[in-house]
N, C-alpha and C. Protein backbone atom coordinates (compact mmCIF):
# COMPACT_ATOMS: atom_id res chain seq x y z
N MET A 1 0.97 -1.08 0.18
CA MET A 1 -0.05 0.08 -0.20
C MET A 1 0.97 1.31 -0.08
N GLN A 2 2.10 1.08 0.70
CA GLN A 2 3.01 2.48 0.66
C GLN A 2 3.36 2.59 -0.50
N VAL A 3 3.56 1.72 -1.38
CA VAL A 3 4.11 1.84 -2.67
C VAL A 3 3.46 2.41 -3.59
N LEU A 4 2.05 2.07 -3.51
CA LEU A 4 0.95 2.64 -4.07
C LEU A 4 0.67 4.14 -3.77
N LEU A 5 0.81 4.63 -2.58
CA LEU A 5 0.54 5.97 -2.22
C LEU A 5 1.79 6.72 -2.72
N ALA A 6 2.91 6.19 -2.60
CA ALA A 6 4.19 6.93 -2.89
C ALA A 6 4.59 7.01 -4.30
N GLU A 7 4.36 5.88 -5.06
CA GLU A 7 4.42 6.06 -6.57
C GLU A 7 3.33 6.26 -7.45
N GLY A 8 2.15 5.77 -7.08
CA GLY A 8 0.90 6.00 -7.97
C GLY A 8 0.78 4.88 -8.60
N LEU A 9 -0.43 4.64 -9.12
CA LEU A 9 -0.88 3.63 -9.79
C LEU A 9 -0.15 3.21 -11.05
N MET A 10 0.29 4.26 -11.81
CA MET A 10 0.66 3.85 -13.04
C MET A 10 2.13 3.81 -12.98
N GLN A 11 2.60 3.42 -11.89
CA GLN A 11 4.06 3.07 -11.70
C GLN A 11 4.02 1.51 -11.94
N PHE A 12 2.85 0.62 -11.56
CA PHE A 12 2.84 -0.57 -11.69
C PHE A 12 2.75 -0.86 -13.17
N TRP A 13 2.18 -0.01 -14.07
CA TRP A 13 2.42 -0.11 -15.64
C TRP A 13 3.61 -0.06 -16.06
N PHE A 14 4.37 0.98 -15.79
CA PHE A 14 5.56 1.32 -16.28
C PHE A 14 6.77 0.08 -15.94
N ASN A 15 6.49 -0.20 -14.52
CA ASN A 15 7.37 -1.51 -14.25
C ASN A 15 7.21 -2.62 -15.20
N HIS A 16 6.05 -2.78 -15.56
CA HIS A 16 5.66 -4.21 -16.17
C HIS A 16 5.76 -4.05 -17.64
N VAL A 17 6.18 -2.91 -18.40
CA VAL A 17 6.14 -2.51 -19.78
C VAL A 17 7.57 -2.13 -19.78
N ALA A 18 8.33 -1.82 -19.00
CA ALA A 18 9.57 -1.33 -19.27
C ALA A 18 10.58 -2.04 -20.06
N ASN A 19 10.73 -3.46 -19.67
CA ASN A 19 11.48 -4.16 -20.47
C ASN A 19 11.18 -5.63 -20.57
N LEU A 20 11.69 -6.76 -20.96
CA LEU A 20 11.20 -8.06 -21.25
C LEU A 20 11.14 -8.61 -19.82
N ALA A 21 12.18 -8.41 -18.80
CA ALA A 21 11.96 -8.75 -17.45
C ALA A 21 10.87 -8.35 -16.53
N GLY A 22 10.31 -7.26 -16.85
CA GLY A 22 9.03 -6.61 -16.09
C GLY A 22 8.04 -7.26 -16.67
N ASN A 23 7.89 -7.45 -18.25
CA ASN A 23 6.82 -7.99 -18.75
C ASN A 23 6.63 -9.58 -18.49
N GLN A 24 7.96 -10.16 -18.28
CA GLN A 24 7.74 -11.59 -17.58
C GLN A 24 7.18 -11.68 -16.39
N VAL A 25 7.61 -10.92 -15.52
CA VAL A 25 6.93 -10.85 -14.21
C VAL A 25 5.39 -10.65 -14.18
N TRP A 26 4.95 -9.91 -15.05
CA TRP A 26 3.52 -9.62 -15.12
C TRP A 26 2.82 -10.79 -15.83
N PHE A 27 3.52 -11.42 -16.59
CA PHE A 27 2.78 -12.70 -17.03
C PHE A 27 2.71 -13.99 -15.96
N ASP A 28 3.96 -14.08 -15.31
CA ASP A 28 3.78 -14.78 -14.32
C ASP A 28 3.13 -14.51 -13.18
N LEU A 29 2.69 -13.39 -12.90
CA LEU A 29 1.94 -12.88 -11.66
C LEU A 29 0.24 -13.09 -12.10
N LEU A 30 0.13 -12.97 -13.37
CA LEU A 30 -1.04 -13.20 -13.90
C LEU A 30 -1.44 -14.78 -14.18
N ILE A 31 -0.49 -15.53 -14.48
CA ILE A 31 -0.78 -16.95 -14.67
C ILE A 31 -1.07 -17.57 -13.26
N ALA A 32 0.07 -17.28 -12.45
CA ALA A 32 0.11 -17.95 -11.05
C ALA A 32 -1.39 -17.48 -10.19
N VAL A 33 -1.61 -16.36 -10.22
CA VAL A 33 -3.03 -15.85 -9.73
C VAL A 33 -4.23 -16.69 -10.31
N SER A 34 -4.09 -16.50 -11.58
CA SER A 34 -5.35 -17.39 -12.28
C SER A 34 -5.70 -18.77 -12.10
N ILE A 35 -4.43 -19.42 -11.98
CA ILE A 35 -4.51 -20.83 -11.64
C ILE A 35 -4.76 -21.27 -10.10
N SER A 36 -4.30 -20.33 -9.34
CA SER A 36 -4.51 -20.23 -7.86
C SER A 36 -6.19 -20.20 -7.39
N PHE A 37 -6.59 -18.92 -8.23
CA PHE A 37 -8.05 -18.73 -7.98
C PHE A 37 -8.98 -19.93 -8.57
N TYR A 38 -8.60 -20.29 -9.85
CA TYR A 38 -9.53 -21.70 -10.36
C TYR A 38 -9.32 -22.69 -9.40
N LEU A 39 -8.29 -23.08 -9.03
CA LEU A 39 -8.09 -24.21 -7.97
C LEU A 39 -8.74 -24.02 -6.73
N ILE A 40 -9.09 -22.69 -6.01
CA ILE A 40 -9.50 -22.62 -4.88
C ILE A 40 -11.12 -22.35 -4.91
N VAL A 41 -11.62 -21.88 -6.01
CA VAL A 41 -13.30 -21.85 -6.15
C VAL A 41 -13.89 -22.91 -5.94
N PRO A 42 -13.48 -24.18 -6.24
CA PRO A 42 -14.35 -25.06 -5.75
C PRO A 42 -14.56 -25.46 -4.30
N ARG A 43 -13.38 -25.25 -3.88
CA ARG A 43 -13.18 -25.52 -2.28
C ARG A 43 -14.06 -24.45 -1.54
N ALA A 44 -13.82 -23.08 -2.09
CA ALA A 44 -14.60 -21.92 -1.50
C ALA A 44 -15.95 -22.07 -1.42
N ARG A 45 -16.46 -22.70 -2.69
CA ARG A 45 -18.01 -22.82 -2.74
C ARG A 45 -18.49 -24.11 -1.90
N ALA A 46 -17.42 -24.86 -1.46
CA ALA A 46 -18.17 -26.27 -0.61
C ALA A 46 -18.01 -25.61 0.50
N VAL A 47 -17.39 -24.58 1.25
CA VAL A 47 -17.67 -24.27 2.41
C VAL A 47 -18.46 -22.85 2.39
N GLY A 48 -19.30 -22.68 1.53
CA GLY A 48 -20.18 -21.54 1.49
C GLY A 48 -19.78 -20.07 1.28
N MET A 49 -18.61 -19.99 0.62
CA MET A 49 -17.92 -18.77 0.21
C MET A 49 -18.54 -18.48 -1.01
N LYS A 50 -18.82 -17.11 -1.18
CA LYS A 50 -19.21 -16.68 -2.73
C LYS A 50 -18.09 -16.37 -3.46
N PRO A 51 -17.87 -16.91 -4.58
CA PRO A 51 -16.68 -16.61 -5.37
C PRO A 51 -16.80 -15.19 -6.07
N LEU A 52 -17.79 -14.88 -6.42
CA LEU A 52 -17.90 -13.60 -7.26
C LEU A 52 -17.39 -12.10 -6.54
N PRO A 53 -17.79 -11.94 -5.21
CA PRO A 53 -16.85 -10.76 -4.50
C PRO A 53 -15.46 -10.91 -4.59
N TRP A 54 -14.97 -12.29 -4.06
CA TRP A 54 -13.50 -12.72 -4.14
C TRP A 54 -12.89 -12.44 -5.53
N GLY A 55 -13.74 -13.07 -6.34
CA GLY A 55 -12.93 -12.82 -7.69
C GLY A 55 -12.92 -11.49 -8.18
N ILE A 56 -13.83 -10.46 -8.09
CA ILE A 56 -13.50 -9.16 -8.47
C ILE A 56 -12.27 -8.58 -7.68
N ALA A 57 -12.26 -8.80 -6.42
CA ALA A 57 -11.04 -8.48 -5.49
C ALA A 57 -9.79 -8.76 -5.98
N VAL A 58 -9.75 -10.19 -6.53
CA VAL A 58 -8.66 -10.84 -6.97
C VAL A 58 -8.27 -10.35 -8.20
N PHE A 59 -9.17 -10.27 -9.23
CA PHE A 59 -9.19 -9.44 -10.44
C PHE A 59 -8.53 -8.20 -10.29
N ALA A 60 -8.98 -7.15 -9.43
CA ALA A 60 -8.47 -5.94 -9.31
C ALA A 60 -7.06 -5.95 -8.53
N THR A 61 -6.64 -6.71 -7.49
CA THR A 61 -5.61 -6.64 -6.70
C THR A 61 -4.63 -7.78 -6.76
N ALA A 62 -4.93 -9.05 -7.65
CA ALA A 62 -4.02 -9.86 -7.53
C ALA A 62 -3.91 -10.75 -6.52
N SER A 63 -2.68 -10.82 -5.86
CA SER A 63 -2.46 -11.68 -4.50
C SER A 63 -2.62 -10.95 -3.30
N VAL A 64 -2.95 -9.47 -3.43
CA VAL A 64 -3.37 -8.86 -2.27
C VAL A 64 -4.81 -9.52 -1.68
N ALA A 65 -5.54 -9.79 -2.54
CA ALA A 65 -7.00 -10.18 -2.23
C ALA A 65 -6.95 -11.86 -2.22
N LEU A 66 -5.85 -12.49 -3.04
CA LEU A 66 -5.81 -13.88 -3.05
C LEU A 66 -5.57 -14.40 -1.57
N LEU A 67 -4.66 -14.03 -1.02
CA LEU A 67 -3.97 -14.44 0.11
C LEU A 67 -5.08 -14.18 1.30
N PRO A 68 -5.82 -13.24 1.80
CA PRO A 68 -7.00 -13.29 2.61
C PRO A 68 -8.06 -14.38 2.01
N MET A 69 -8.37 -14.53 0.88
CA MET A 69 -9.17 -15.42 0.31
C MET A 69 -8.89 -16.63 0.68
N VAL A 70 -7.57 -17.16 0.70
CA VAL A 70 -7.18 -18.32 1.12
C VAL A 70 -7.28 -18.81 2.59
N ALA A 71 -6.88 -17.45 3.27
CA ALA A 71 -6.76 -17.59 4.68
C ALA A 71 -8.40 -17.89 5.27
N ARG A 72 -9.30 -17.06 4.49
CA ARG A 72 -10.61 -17.46 4.85
C ARG A 72 -11.13 -18.69 4.67
N LEU A 73 -10.54 -19.05 3.33
CA LEU A 73 -10.98 -20.46 3.12
C LEU A 73 -10.56 -21.46 4.08
N LEU A 74 -9.30 -21.16 4.42
CA LEU A 74 -8.66 -22.48 5.45
C LEU A 74 -9.45 -22.53 6.75
N TRP A 75 -9.84 -21.23 7.15
CA TRP A 75 -10.35 -20.83 8.50
C TRP A 75 -11.58 -21.75 8.54
N LEU A 76 -12.49 -21.38 7.21
CA LEU A 76 -13.75 -22.19 7.08
C LEU A 76 -13.74 -23.66 7.26
N GLU A 77 -12.86 -24.05 6.71
CA GLU A 77 -12.65 -25.60 6.40
C GLU A 77 -12.20 -26.35 7.77
N LYS A 78 -11.44 -25.55 8.31
CA LYS A 78 -10.95 -25.91 9.81
C LYS A 78 -12.37 -26.03 10.90
N ARG A 79 -12.88 -24.95 10.57
CA ARG A 79 -14.23 -24.82 11.39
C ARG A 79 -15.40 -25.88 11.16
N ARG A 80 -15.27 -26.71 10.01
CA ARG A 80 -16.25 -27.69 9.63
C ARG A 80 -15.96 -28.93 10.49
C-alpha cells in the first residue's frame, strides 16, 4: 500500500512494460493468480464462500486479495 501511495498506480504499468523482465513478471503474476483462483473456487463454494466478490477483488488486486481469500477458506474448512 505504501508503494501505491508513494509511486502512484501508473508505476505498476511502467514497471511491467519497461523491459522484457518486467513483462515476464507481469505474465507470471497473472498466470499464478489465475491458476490459484481456479483451483480455490470449488473448495470455497463447498464451504459457503461466494466466489464473485472474491473474484472481483482478486482481479483488481491479484495476490493482495488472494491471500485473505485463502486464509478465509482455510479458516472455514477448519471450522467444519
